[in-house]
């Protein structure tokens, strides 16, 4: 499972005291907006990110995390159905719904252990995916409980390979996503983050000092390449993992 973390982190204490959150700004604002209406920048991000991944990941099916039954009954906005993935469509890759949620549940005020238990067995697959390679998208990665359960369900249904793509992380301090690092600006050493040009609606990478003395930018593809590089995986001997089992 692949995780893309695109963030500038600020620590916030959760009033439940179960865990602390790290939130993203301004990315978190876009994600919150995306919960209720289409957001062009997010459509563009997913479109460019998927296009970038195509040479590295074979994709037979592109899908997303589904709404819960109570959300469907309440006519909640299905944010993923609003995505305009023009590049994917030109490449004959259609976003489709193959995962269904069998019962409603809430993760609010739950710690990591309860989140994992809460989602067990709640998802089902609505079509034949035998030997298919699947990319599933979601907006936020928190503890990973939801996406891990969906990936498990996909494999149990016969999927050959499953990868996942996210906009950012929620972020919980106990989340493994915190191990992911941001690319660094070559001019001032600041962390690069995803930005949107308000005039052209084009995504680019720039640091916190962009427009205030620093003018180094990278395209969306260049930023993703650097993200893959700085977060490259190291090979560990199995003996290094024995203490964890």
Protein backbone atom coordinates (compact mmCIF):
# COMPACT_ATOMS: atom_id res chain seq x y z
CA UNK A 1 0.00 0.00 0.00
CA UNK A 2 1.43 3.39 -0.97
CA UNK A 3 0.86 6.59 0.97
CA UNK A 4 1.44 10.12 -0.30
CA UNK A 5 1.76 12.67 2.47
CA UNK A 6 1.52 16.27 1.27
CA UNK A 7 1.42 18.46 4.31
CA UNK A 8 2.68 21.26 6.50
CA UNK A 9 2.06 20.06 10.03
CA UNK A 10 0.61 21.89 13.04
CA UNK A 11 0.04 20.06 16.33
CA UNK A 12 -3.45 20.23 17.83
CA UNK A 13 -4.64 18.52 21.01
CA UNK A 14 -7.72 16.32 20.62
CA UNK A 15 -10.33 17.05 23.30
CA UNK A 16 -11.05 13.32 23.64
CA UNK A 17 -7.45 12.80 24.88
CA UNK A 18 -7.36 9.49 22.99
CA UNK A 19 -4.78 10.89 20.60
CA UNK A 20 -3.37 14.13 19.30
CA UNK A 21 -3.97 15.38 15.80
CA UNK A 22 -1.66 17.07 13.34
CA UNK A 23 -3.65 19.12 10.86
CA UNK A 24 -2.62 20.53 7.49
CA UNK A 25 -3.03 24.12 6.41
CA UNK A 26 -4.03 25.14 3.77
CA UNK A 27 -4.46 21.58 2.51
CA UNK A 28 -6.83 20.69 5.36
CA UNK A 29 -9.10 23.55 4.30
CA UNK A 30 -9.40 22.08 0.81
CA UNK A 31 -10.07 18.61 2.19
CA UNK A 32 -12.80 19.93 4.48
CA UNK A 33 -14.35 21.80 1.55
CA UNK A 34 -14.18 18.62 -0.53
CA UNK A 35 -16.46 16.88 2.00
CA UNK A 36 -19.36 19.05 0.85
CA UNK A 37 -18.77 20.15 -2.75
CA UNK A 38 -16.53 19.59 -5.79
CA UNK A 39 -13.05 21.10 -5.48
CA UNK A 40 -11.16 21.64 -8.74
CA UNK A 41 -7.75 21.53 -7.08
CA UNK A 42 -8.45 18.09 -5.63
CA UNK A 43 -9.71 16.78 -8.96
CA UNK A 44 -6.53 18.06 -10.56
CA UNK A 45 -4.37 16.51 -7.85
CA UNK A 46 -5.86 13.04 -8.24
CA UNK A 47 -5.78 13.31 -12.04
CA UNK A 48 -2.11 14.29 -12.14
CA UNK A 49 -1.07 11.90 -9.36
CA UNK A 50 -2.73 8.91 -11.06
CA UNK A 51 -1.20 9.89 -14.40
CA UNK A 52 2.20 10.06 -12.71
CA UNK A 53 1.74 6.61 -11.14
CA UNK A 54 0.66 4.84 -14.33
CA UNK A 55 4.21 3.95 -15.51
CA UNK A 56 4.96 2.44 -12.09
CA UNK A 57 1.62 0.84 -11.18
CA UNK A 58 -0.52 -1.35 -13.44
CA UNK A 59 -4.17 -0.45 -12.85
CA UNK A 60 -7.14 -2.47 -14.04
CA UNK A 61 -9.65 -0.81 -11.71
CA UNK A 62 -9.76 2.64 -10.12
CA UNK A 63 -12.10 2.87 -7.13
CA UNK A 64 -12.70 4.79 -3.90
CA UNK A 65 -13.76 4.49 -0.26
CA UNK A 66 -17.59 4.32 -0.26
CA UNK A 67 -20.19 6.19 1.75
CA UNK A 68 -21.78 4.44 4.74
CA UNK A 69 -25.48 3.42 4.68
CA UNK A 70 -26.51 6.28 7.00
CA UNK A 71 -24.65 8.78 4.81
CA UNK A 72 -26.43 7.47 1.71
CA UNK A 73 -29.80 7.69 3.50
CA UNK A 74 -29.02 11.29 4.46
CA UNK A 75 -28.12 12.08 0.81
CA UNK A 76 -24.61 13.09 1.78
CA UNK A 77 -22.45 14.49 -1.00
CA UNK A 78 -20.37 11.71 -2.58
CA UNK A 79 -17.14 13.62 -3.07
CA UNK A 80 -15.38 11.03 -5.21
CA UNK A 81 -18.16 10.92 -7.78
CA UNK A 82 -17.55 14.66 -8.31
CA UNK A 83 -13.94 14.16 -9.45
CA UNK A 84 -13.11 15.21 -13.01
CA UNK A 85 -10.38 12.79 -14.05
CA UNK A 86 -9.88 13.82 -17.66
CA UNK A 87 -6.41 12.31 -18.04
CA UNK A 88 -7.60 8.98 -16.64
CA UNK A 89 -10.59 8.90 -18.97
CA UNK A 90 -8.37 9.53 -21.99
CA UNK A 91 -6.34 6.54 -20.82
CA UNK A 92 -9.50 4.38 -20.55
CA UNK A 93 -9.36 4.26 -16.75
CA UNK A 94 -12.78 5.02 -15.29
CA UNK A 95 -13.42 5.70 -11.61
CA UNK A 96 -15.98 3.13 -10.47
CA UNK A 97 -17.65 1.96 -7.28
CA UNK A 98 -16.77 -1.65 -6.46
CA UNK A 99 -16.62 -1.41 -2.65
CA UNK A 100 -19.79 -1.18 -0.54
CA UNK A 101 -20.18 -0.49 3.16
CA UNK A 102 -22.54 -3.00 4.79
CA UNK A 103 -23.24 -1.16 8.03
CA UNK A 104 -22.79 2.32 9.44
CA UNK A 105 -20.15 3.06 12.04
CA UNK A 106 -18.41 6.04 13.61
CA UNK A 107 -14.72 6.45 14.38
CA UNK A 108 -15.15 9.66 16.40
CA UNK A 109 -13.62 9.52 19.88
CA UNK A 110 -12.14 6.09 19.15
CA UNK A 111 -8.48 5.34 19.73
CA UNK A 112 -6.41 3.33 17.24
CA UNK A 113 -7.30 -0.09 18.67
CA UNK A 114 -11.04 0.61 18.67
CA UNK A 115 -10.86 2.06 15.15
CA UNK A 116 -9.36 -1.19 13.87
CA UNK A 117 -11.99 -3.31 15.63
CA UNK A 118 -14.83 -1.02 14.53
CA UNK A 119 -14.34 -1.63 10.80
CA UNK A 120 -13.85 -5.39 10.77
CA UNK A 121 -16.17 -7.05 8.26
CA UNK A 122 -18.05 -3.88 7.26
CA UNK A 123 -17.03 -3.85 3.58
CA UNK A 124 -18.01 -6.04 0.62
CA UNK A 125 -17.03 -6.16 -3.07
CA UNK A 126 -19.81 -5.74 -5.63
CA UNK A 127 -18.17 -7.27 -8.72
CA UNK A 128 -15.69 -9.89 -9.86
CA UNK A 129 -12.15 -8.63 -9.27
CA UNK A 130 -10.31 -11.92 -9.63
CA UNK A 131 -6.64 -11.27 -10.56
CA UNK A 132 -7.31 -7.54 -11.02
CA UNK A 133 -4.84 -4.81 -10.05
CA UNK A 134 -6.66 -2.08 -8.15
CA UNK A 135 -5.89 1.50 -7.12
CA UNK A 136 -8.15 2.83 -4.38
CA UNK A 137 -8.27 6.54 -3.54
CA UNK A 138 -9.28 8.38 -0.38
CA UNK A 139 -8.87 11.92 0.85
CA UNK A 140 -7.40 11.40 4.33
CA UNK A 141 -5.27 8.74 6.01
CA UNK A 142 -5.67 8.69 9.81
CA UNK A 143 -4.74 5.48 11.61
CA UNK A 144 -5.19 3.47 8.42
CA UNK A 145 -7.96 1.33 9.94
CA UNK A 146 -10.49 1.92 7.15
CA UNK A 147 -8.16 1.59 4.19
CA UNK A 148 -6.44 -1.47 5.68
CA UNK A 149 -9.80 -3.23 6.10
CA UNK A 150 -10.82 -2.38 2.52
CA UNK A 151 -7.51 -3.58 1.12
CA UNK A 152 -7.87 -6.81 3.11
CA UNK A 153 -11.41 -7.26 1.71
CA UNK A 154 -10.18 -6.67 -1.85
CA UNK A 155 -7.46 -9.29 -1.51
CA UNK A 156 -9.90 -11.78 0.02
CA UNK A 157 -12.15 -11.21 -3.01
CA UNK A 158 -9.33 -12.24 -5.36
CA UNK A 159 -7.50 -9.01 -6.24
CA UNK A 160 -3.97 -9.60 -7.53
CA UNK A 161 -2.55 -6.30 -6.28
CA UNK A 162 -3.92 -3.30 -4.41
CA UNK A 163 -2.37 0.14 -3.96
CA UNK A 164 -3.78 3.27 -2.35
CA UNK A 165 -3.47 7.00 -2.98
CA UNK A 166 -4.34 9.77 -0.52
CA UNK A 167 -4.34 13.55 -0.52
CA UNK A 168 -2.86 13.82 2.96
CA UNK A 169 -2.98 12.58 6.53
CA UNK A 170 -5.33 13.58 9.33
CA UNK A 171 -2.75 13.38 11.20
CA UNK A 172 -2.60 11.31 14.39
CA UNK A 173 0.69 11.30 16.26
CA UNK A 174 0.52 7.50 16.56
CA UNK A 175 -0.07 7.14 12.81
CA UNK A 176 2.69 5.43 10.78
CA UNK A 177 2.08 8.13 8.17
CA UNK A 178 4.12 10.50 10.33
CA UNK A 179 7.23 8.67 9.13
CA UNK A 180 6.77 10.23 5.69
CA UNK A 181 8.89 13.28 4.91
CA UNK A 182 8.20 16.32 2.74
CA UNK A 183 10.53 17.37 -0.12
CA UNK A 184 12.85 20.28 0.68
CA UNK A 185 13.18 23.60 -1.17
CA UNK A 186 16.62 23.79 -2.81
CA UNK A 187 16.83 27.56 -2.23
CA UNK A 188 15.82 28.15 1.40
CA UNK A 189 15.61 24.65 2.89
CA UNK A 190 11.91 24.93 3.74
CA UNK A 191 9.46 22.08 3.30
CA UNK A 192 7.72 21.99 -0.06
CA UNK A 193 3.95 21.66 -0.06
CA UNK A 194 1.29 21.36 -2.72
CA UNK A 195 -0.10 24.73 -3.83
CA UNK A 196 -2.65 25.99 -6.34
CA UNK A 197 -2.06 28.86 -8.76
CA UNK A 198 -5.24 30.93 -8.34
CA UNK A 199 -4.92 32.40 -11.85
CA UNK A 200 -4.30 29.22 -13.85
CA UNK A 201 -5.77 26.59 -11.47
CA UNK A 202 -2.55 24.60 -11.89
CA UNK A 203 -1.02 22.65 -9.03
CA UNK A 204 2.63 23.19 -8.15
CA UNK A 205 5.00 22.65 -5.25
CA UNK A 206 6.39 25.60 -3.31
CA UNK A 207 7.70 26.24 0.20
CA UNK A 208 6.18 28.40 2.94
CA UNK A 209 8.38 31.30 1.76
CA UNK A 210 7.07 31.17 -1.81
CA UNK A 211 6.14 34.68 -2.93
CA UNK A 212 8.02 36.17 0.02
CA UNK A 213 11.54 36.12 -1.30
CA UNK A 214 11.67 32.53 -2.51
CA UNK A 215 10.46 31.74 -6.02
CA UNK A 216 11.56 28.13 -6.45
CA UNK A 217 8.73 25.96 -7.77
CA UNK A 218 8.32 22.41 -8.98
CA UNK A 219 5.61 20.91 -11.13
CA UNK A 220 3.19 18.41 -9.63
CA UNK A 221 5.09 15.56 -11.32
CA UNK A 222 8.49 16.79 -10.09
CA UNK A 223 7.15 17.10 -6.54
CA UNK A 224 5.74 13.57 -6.63
CA UNK A 225 9.07 12.23 -7.91
CA UNK A 226 10.86 13.88 -4.99
CA UNK A 227 8.19 12.58 -2.60
CA UNK A 228 8.88 9.04 -3.79
CA UNK A 229 12.63 9.59 -3.44
CA UNK A 230 12.73 11.07 0.08
CA UNK A 231 10.27 8.41 1.28
CA UNK A 232 11.93 5.49 -0.48
CA UNK A 233 11.75 2.22 1.40
CA UNK A 234 14.80 0.57 2.95
CA UNK A 235 15.17 -3.21 2.86
CA UNK A 236 15.24 -4.76 6.33
CA UNK A 237 16.30 -8.25 7.28
CA UNK A 238 13.45 -10.36 8.69
CA UNK A 239 15.42 -10.70 11.94
CA UNK A 240 15.08 -6.95 12.42
CA UNK A 241 11.32 -7.41 12.66
CA UNK A 242 11.21 -10.33 15.09
CA UNK A 243 10.69 -8.11 18.13
CA UNK A 244 7.43 -6.83 16.62
CA UNK A 245 5.71 -10.25 16.39
